Every structure is written in structure tokens, then in C-alpha cells.
Amino acid sequence: MRLAIPERLESERLWLTRLRYEDAEEIFYAYASKPEATRYVSWPTHESIEDTRSFLAYAGAAWERGSDYSFSLRLKSTNRLIGSIGLIHEEGKIQFGYILSPQQWGMGYATEACRTVLAAVRTLPGIYRISTFVDVENMASVRVLQKAGLVQEARLEKWFRFVNQGGQPKDCLLFKIP
């Protein structure tokens, strides 16, 4: 079932807009090709713009299917693409994740994006759970999630293999909307 999620959301400093194929170059250079940015994500660091284009083709089809919803994060002041946030929807459950250009870390953009997306989806009909998980070592994201209103639900031992960290199972923290 497709969710009634708008293709454009707005926060105080950001435009959150459905990812477009035309965003490939900006995404590649802003964060997708940067190992420091992709350390804690589920997909491999992009080695070429073609990797980014392949992802964007997938993201567009997934939006149409109603399984994944991915948004670019753009500064309102400059329209510069600084990151993205994505939702995976499965039978009333939403899991989400985000990534930012390292140049934008520590400025509150991730918290702002999370709050904006969560406000848009938490009251949708049929949604009963919203959650995410982070590597226990990713304390910056732990703080983002706490500031965005999520609470830690569990510590999960050897829960996920982050492809950009050698593929060894890592302990993760599970967060949810209370």
C-alpha cells in the first residue's frame, strides 16, 4: 500500500524533496562518494556517478511501489543539496535512515530533517511503528535521534553488517517513536 506522503516537505531551514535522477551529481559529490559519510549506512560508498544513478533509478521505482520514500535535503538559503533521508515502509512499520555531507555535520540539519519526516508520517493511517537503528559507536546519530524525540528500545548484539566497515557484525541500538 502506498502511503500518502507528499513529495515535498519543508522545515525551518530545509526543503525535503523526493529524490530525482537529476540529483545524481550533487548526491555523489556531497556524500555518496565520501567514506567518512557512508561509514554507518547500509550501502557501499559510491565509486562513480553511475552507482548514484543506479540507486536513484531504484529509489524512483521504490517510491512508485510504495516500499521506500527517499528525500533530498536542500538548504533553503542556497538550494544546495546536503543530504538525504529515506523511509522503508512494510505493512504498517516504517524504518528510516539519513545521511549528510560531512561539511554539514553538527549544525542540527539531521535532527531537523528527522523531526520533519516523522511529523509527516507518524499520523498516517495504518502506521503503528516507526524505528531506526544505529551502530553503538555512532554517538552523533544517537544524539540526533534523542533530540528528534525517539527513545532507545534495545541494544542488539551483532545486529548488522555495515558494508563500509569490513562487514563484521556490529552491535546496534534500536530507537523508536514512543
C-alpha atoms as a PDB file:
ATOM      1  CA  MET A   1       0.000   0.000   0.000  1.00  0.00           C
ATOM      2  CA  ARG A   2       1.352   3.392  -0.990  1.00  0.00           C
ATOM      3  CA  LEU A   3       1.498   5.960   1.778  1.00  0.00           C
ATOM      4  CA  ALA A   4       0.065   9.444   1.351  1.00  0.00           C
ATOM      5  CA  ILE A   5       3.450  11.113   1.773  1.00  0.00           C
ATOM      6  CA  PRO A   6       3.897  14.426  -0.018  1.00  0.00           C
ATOM      7  CA  GLU A   7       6.805  14.671  -2.453  1.00  0.00           C
ATOM      8  CA  ARG A   8       7.943  17.908  -0.810  1.00  0.00           C
ATOM      9  CA  LEU A   9       8.212  18.778   2.863  1.00  0.00           C
ATOM     10  CA  GLU A  10       9.511  21.932   4.482  1.00  0.00           C
ATOM     11  CA  SER A  11      11.246  22.749   7.747  1.00  0.00           C
ATOM     12  CA  GLU A  12      12.688  25.984   9.053  1.00  0.00           C
ATOM     13  CA  ARG A  13      15.945  25.696   7.083  1.00  0.00           C
ATOM     14  CA  LEU A  14      15.394  22.774   4.703  1.00  0.00           C
ATOM     15  CA  TRP A  15      13.442  21.650   1.691  1.00  0.00           C
ATOM     16  CA  LEU A  16      12.893  17.884   1.726  1.00  0.00           C
ATOM     17  CA  THR A  17      12.054  16.817  -1.811  1.00  0.00           C
ATOM     18  CA  ARG A  18      11.566  13.423  -3.422  1.00  0.00           C
ATOM     19  CA  LEU A  19      14.922  12.275  -4.814  1.00  0.00           C
ATOM     20  CA  ARG A  20      15.260  12.759  -8.555  1.00  0.00           C
ATOM     21  CA  TYR A  21      17.510  11.130 -11.113  1.00  0.00           C
ATOM     22  CA  GLU A  22      18.795  14.626 -11.930  1.00  0.00           C
ATOM     23  CA  ASP A  23      20.239  14.878  -8.383  1.00  0.00           C
ATOM     24  CA  ALA A  24      22.921  12.251  -9.129  1.00  0.00           C
ATOM     25  CA  GLU A  25      25.941  14.517  -9.455  1.00  0.00           C
ATOM     26  CA  GLU A  26      25.098  16.577  -6.371  1.00  0.00           C
ATOM     27  CA  ILE A  27      24.480  13.438  -4.304  1.00  0.00           C
ATOM     28  CA  PHE A  28      27.683  11.785  -5.485  1.00  0.00           C
ATOM     29  CA  TYR A  29      29.886  14.751  -4.596  1.00  0.00           C
ATOM     30  CA  ALA A  30      28.041  15.829  -1.430  1.00  0.00           C
ATOM     31  CA  TYR A  31      28.102  12.492   0.407  1.00  0.00           C
ATOM     32  CA  ALA A  32      27.693   9.244  -1.574  1.00  0.00           C
ATOM     33  CA  SER A  33      31.368   9.111  -2.612  1.00  0.00           C
ATOM     34  CA  LYS A  34      32.730  10.109   0.810  1.00  0.00           C
ATOM     35  CA  PRO A  35      33.833   7.188   3.025  1.00  0.00           C
ATOM     36  CA  GLU A  36      33.540   9.307   6.175  1.00  0.00           C
ATOM     37  CA  ALA A  37      29.878   9.989   5.338  1.00  0.00           C
ATOM     38  CA  THR A  38      28.983   6.418   4.345  1.00  0.00           C
ATOM     39  CA  ARG A  39      30.658   4.658   7.287  1.00  0.00           C
ATOM     40  CA  TYR A  40      27.362   3.936   9.055  1.00  0.00           C
ATOM     41  CA  VAL A  41      24.986   3.322   6.132  1.00  0.00           C
ATOM     42  CA  SER A  42      23.742   0.057   4.650  1.00  0.00           C
ATOM     43  CA  TRP A  43      25.025   0.646   1.103  1.00  0.00           C
ATOM     44  CA  PRO A  44      28.578   0.745  -0.272  1.00  0.00           C
ATOM     45  CA  THR A  45      30.346   4.039  -0.862  1.00  0.00           C
ATOM     46  CA  HIS A  46      29.693   5.048  -4.468  1.00  0.00           C
ATOM     47  CA  GLU A  47      32.734   4.809  -6.708  1.00  0.00           C
ATOM     48  CA  SER A  48      31.152   6.524  -9.709  1.00  0.00           C
ATOM     49  CA  ILE A  49      28.206   8.711 -10.605  1.00  0.00           C
ATOM     50  CA  GLU A  50      26.798   5.608 -12.306  1.00  0.00           C
ATOM     51  CA  ASP A  51      26.497   3.990  -8.854  1.00  0.00           C
ATOM     52  CA  THR A  52      24.477   7.000  -7.744  1.00  0.00           C
ATOM     53  CA  ARG A  53      22.317   6.924 -10.865  1.00  0.00           C
ATOM     54  CA  SER A  54      21.588   3.231 -10.291  1.00  0.00           C
ATOM     55  CA  PHE A  55      20.492   3.982  -6.750  1.00  0.00           C
ATOM     56  CA  LEU A  56      18.274   6.836  -7.933  1.00  0.00           C
ATOM     57  CA  ALA A  57      16.606   4.593 -10.519  1.00  0.00           C
ATOM     58  CA  TYR A  58      15.882   2.114  -7.720  1.00  0.00           C
ATOM     59  CA  ALA A  59      14.629   4.900  -5.413  1.00  0.00           C
ATOM     60  CA  GLY A  60      12.218   6.203  -8.042  1.00  0.00           C
ATOM     61  CA  ALA A  61      10.746   2.758  -8.682  1.00  0.00           C
ATOM     62  CA  ALA A  62      10.516   2.027  -4.941  1.00  0.00           C
ATOM     63  CA  TRP A  63       8.583   5.264  -4.350  1.00  0.00           C
ATOM     64  CA  GLU A  64       6.104   4.248  -7.048  1.00  0.00           C
ATOM     65  CA  ARG A  65       5.735   0.770  -5.483  1.00  0.00           C
ATOM     66  CA  GLY A  66       5.156   2.329  -2.065  1.00  0.00           C
ATOM     67  CA  SER A  67       8.004   0.477  -0.373  1.00  0.00           C
ATOM     68  CA  ASP A  68      10.644   3.226   0.033  1.00  0.00           C
ATOM     69  CA  TYR A  69      10.401   7.007   0.154  1.00  0.00           C
ATOM     70  CA  SER A  70      13.664   8.951  -0.237  1.00  0.00           C
ATOM     71  CA  PHE A  71      14.022  12.715   0.090  1.00  0.00           C
ATOM     72  CA  SER A  72      16.885  15.048  -0.721  1.00  0.00           C
ATOM     73  CA  LEU A  73      17.756  17.624   1.920  1.00  0.00           C
ATOM     74  CA  ARG A  74      18.373  21.081   0.481  1.00  0.00           C
ATOM     75  CA  LEU A  75      19.251  24.277   2.263  1.00  0.00           C
ATOM     76  CA  LYS A  76      16.513  26.828   1.706  1.00  0.00           C
ATOM     77  CA  SER A  77      19.071  29.620   1.741  1.00  0.00           C
ATOM     78  CA  THR A  78      21.087  28.294  -1.230  1.00  0.00           C
ATOM     79  CA  ASN A  79      19.137  25.294  -2.618  1.00  0.00           C
ATOM     80  CA  ARG A  80      22.326  23.270  -2.067  1.00  0.00           C
ATOM     81  CA  LEU A  81      21.811  19.508  -1.648  1.00  0.00           C
ATOM     82  CA  ILE A  82      23.371  18.480   1.679  1.00  0.00           C
ATOM     83  CA  GLY A  83      21.993  15.004   2.341  1.00  0.00           C
ATOM     84  CA  SER A  84      19.048  12.671   2.182  1.00  0.00           C
ATOM     85  CA  ILE A  85      16.595  10.849   4.393  1.00  0.00           C
ATOM     86  CA  GLY A  86      14.762   7.688   3.471  1.00  0.00           C
ATOM     87  CA  LEU A  87      11.851   5.659   4.774  1.00  0.00           C
ATOM     88  CA  ILE A  88      11.200   1.967   4.245  1.00  0.00           C
ATOM     89  CA  HIS A  89       7.542   1.015   4.634  1.00  0.00           C
ATOM     90  CA  GLU A  90       6.450  -2.542   5.286  1.00  0.00           C
ATOM     91  CA  GLU A  91       2.940  -3.430   6.439  1.00  0.00           C
ATOM     92  CA  GLY A  92       2.408  -0.549   8.863  1.00  0.00           C
ATOM     93  CA  LYS A  93       6.011  -0.313  10.026  1.00  0.00           C
ATOM     94  CA  ILE A  94       8.427   2.400   8.977  1.00  0.00           C
ATOM     95  CA  GLN A  95      12.176   2.236   9.349  1.00  0.00           C
ATOM     96  CA  PHE A  96      14.233   5.285   8.431  1.00  0.00           C
ATOM     97  CA  GLY A  97      17.785   6.459   7.921  1.00  0.00           C
ATOM     98  CA  TYR A  98      19.623   9.578   6.870  1.00  0.00           C
ATOM     99  CA  ILE A  99      22.989  10.794   5.635  1.00  0.00           C
ATOM    100  CA  LEU A 100      24.577  14.241   5.453  1.00  0.00           C
ATOM    101  CA  SER A 101      27.532  15.787   3.728  1.00  0.00           C
ATOM    102  CA  PRO A 102      30.368  15.876   6.289  1.00  0.00           C
ATOM    103  CA  GLN A 103      30.560  19.656   5.772  1.00  0.00           C
ATOM    104  CA  GLN A 104      27.088  19.917   7.320  1.00  0.00           C
ATOM    105  CA  TRP A 105      27.650  17.784  10.417  1.00  0.00           C
ATOM    106  CA  GLY A 106      26.968  19.350  13.799  1.00  0.00           C
ATOM    107  CA  MET A 107      24.588  22.047  12.538  1.00  0.00           C
ATOM    108  CA  GLY A 108      21.289  20.423  13.515  1.00  0.00           C
ATOM    109  CA  TYR A 109      20.188  19.547   9.984  1.00  0.00           C
ATOM    110  CA  ALA A 110      19.813  15.815  10.666  1.00  0.00           C
ATOM    111  CA  THR A 111      17.617  16.468  13.702  1.00  0.00           C
ATOM    112  CA  GLU A 112      15.544  18.966  11.722  1.00  0.00           C
ATOM    113  CA  ALA A 113      15.091  16.520   8.835  1.00  0.00           C
ATOM    114  CA  CYS A 114      14.130  13.660  11.170  1.00  0.00           C
ATOM    115  CA  ARG A 115      11.571  15.785  13.012  1.00  0.00           C
ATOM    116  CA  THR A 116      10.053  16.951   9.721  1.00  0.00           C
ATOM    117  CA  VAL A 117       9.712  13.490   8.187  1.00  0.00           C
ATOM    118  CA  LEU A 118       8.495  11.898  11.397  1.00  0.00           C
ATOM    119  CA  ALA A 119       5.815  14.577  11.801  1.00  0.00           C
ATOM    120  CA  ALA A 120       4.628  13.799   8.272  1.00  0.00           C
ATOM    121  CA  VAL A 121       4.347  10.032   8.775  1.00  0.00           C
ATOM    122  CA  ARG A 122       3.501   9.402  12.411  1.00  0.00           C
ATOM    123  CA  THR A 123      -0.204  10.136  11.961  1.00  0.00           C
ATOM    124  CA  LEU A 124      -0.690   8.327   8.655  1.00  0.00           C
ATOM    125  CA  PRO A 125      -3.443   5.693   8.747  1.00  0.00           C
ATOM    126  CA  GLY A 126      -2.173   2.184   9.367  1.00  0.00           C
ATOM    127  CA  ILE A 127       1.270   3.183  10.689  1.00  0.00           C
ATOM    128  CA  TYR A 128       1.830   1.607  14.081  1.00  0.00           C
ATOM    129  CA  ARG A 129       5.627   1.570  14.431  1.00  0.00           C
ATOM    130  CA  ILE A 130       8.451   3.931  13.431  1.00  0.00           C
ATOM    131  CA  SER A 131      12.010   2.901  14.241  1.00  0.00           C
ATOM    132  CA  THR A 132      15.643   3.006  13.241  1.00  0.00           C
ATOM    133  CA  PHE A 133      18.920   1.524  14.414  1.00  0.00           C
ATOM    134  CA  VAL A 134      22.460   2.872  14.721  1.00  0.00           C
ATOM    135  CA  ASP A 135      25.911   1.442  15.290  1.00  0.00           C
ATOM    136  CA  VAL A 136      26.696   1.732  19.018  1.00  0.00           C
ATOM    137  CA  GLU A 137      29.798   3.724  18.058  1.00  0.00           C
ATOM    138  CA  ASN A 138      27.785   6.368  16.187  1.00  0.00           C
ATOM    139  CA  MET A 139      27.146   8.673  19.134  1.00  0.00           C
ATOM    140  CA  ALA A 140      26.387  11.670  16.908  1.00  0.00           C
ATOM    141  CA  SER A 141      23.375   9.825  15.467  1.00  0.00           C
ATOM    142  CA  VAL A 142      22.313   8.679  18.930  1.00  0.00           C
ATOM    143  CA  ARG A 143      22.112  12.359  19.938  1.00  0.00           C
ATOM    144  CA  VAL A 144      20.240  13.255  16.728  1.00  0.00           C
ATOM    145  CA  LEU A 145      17.620  10.579  17.371  1.00  0.00           C
ATOM    146  CA  GLN A 146      17.177  11.578  21.005  1.00  0.00           C
ATOM    147  CA  LYS A 147      16.744  15.249  20.029  1.00  0.00           C
ATOM    148  CA  ALA A 148      14.239  14.198  17.351  1.00  0.00           C
ATOM    149  CA  GLY A 149      12.084  12.558  20.048  1.00  0.00           C
ATOM    150  CA  LEU A 150      12.971   8.884  19.686  1.00  0.00           C
ATOM    151  CA  VAL A 151      13.761   6.643  22.634  1.00  0.00           C
ATOM    152  CA  GLN A 152      16.176   3.747  22.833  1.00  0.00           C
ATOM    153  CA  GLU A 153      14.312   0.459  22.871  1.00  0.00           C
ATOM    154  CA  ALA A 154      17.126  -2.105  22.901  1.00  0.00           C
ATOM    155  CA  ARG A 155      20.769  -2.896  22.378  1.00  0.00           C
ATOM    156  CA  LEU A 156      21.079  -5.538  19.674  1.00  0.00           C
ATOM    157  CA  GLU A 157      24.240  -7.648  19.721  1.00  0.00           C
ATOM    158  CA  LYS A 158      25.885  -8.415  16.386  1.00  0.00           C
ATOM    159  CA  TRP A 159      22.817  -6.972  14.657  1.00  0.00           C
ATOM    160  CA  PHE A 160      24.055  -5.528  11.361  1.00  0.00           C
ATOM    161  CA  ARG A 161      26.957  -5.779   8.935  1.00  0.00           C
ATOM    162  CA  PHE A 162      27.884  -2.280   7.759  1.00  0.00           C
ATOM    163  CA  VAL A 163      29.443  -2.857   4.339  1.00  0.00           C
ATOM    164  CA  ASN A 164      31.809   0.101   4.702  1.00  0.00           C
ATOM    165  CA  GLN A 165      33.243  -1.244   7.969  1.00  0.00           C
ATOM    166  CA  GLY A 166      34.553  -4.565   6.720  1.00  0.00           C
ATOM    167  CA  GLY A 167      31.313  -6.490   7.002  1.00  0.00           C
ATOM    168  CA  GLN A 168      31.750  -7.718  10.570  1.00  0.00           C
ATOM    169  CA  PRO A 169      28.514  -7.885  12.608  1.00  0.00           C
ATOM    170  CA  LYS A 170      28.192  -4.799  14.795  1.00  0.00           C
ATOM    171  CA  ASP A 171      26.202  -4.108  17.931  1.00  0.00           C
ATOM    172  CA  CYS A 172      23.430  -1.597  17.294  1.00  0.00           C
ATOM    173  CA  LEU A 173      20.980   0.479  19.277  1.00  0.00           C
ATOM    174  CA  LEU A 174      17.319   0.278  18.294  1.00  0.00           C
ATOM    175  CA  PHE A 175      15.322   3.509  18.592  1.00  0.00           C
ATOM    176  CA  LYS A 176      11.590   4.054  18.215  1.00  0.00           C
ATOM    177  CA  ILE A 177       8.933   6.735  18.396  1.00  0.00           C
ATOM    178  CA  PRO A 178       7.265   6.257  21.781  1.00  0.00           C
END
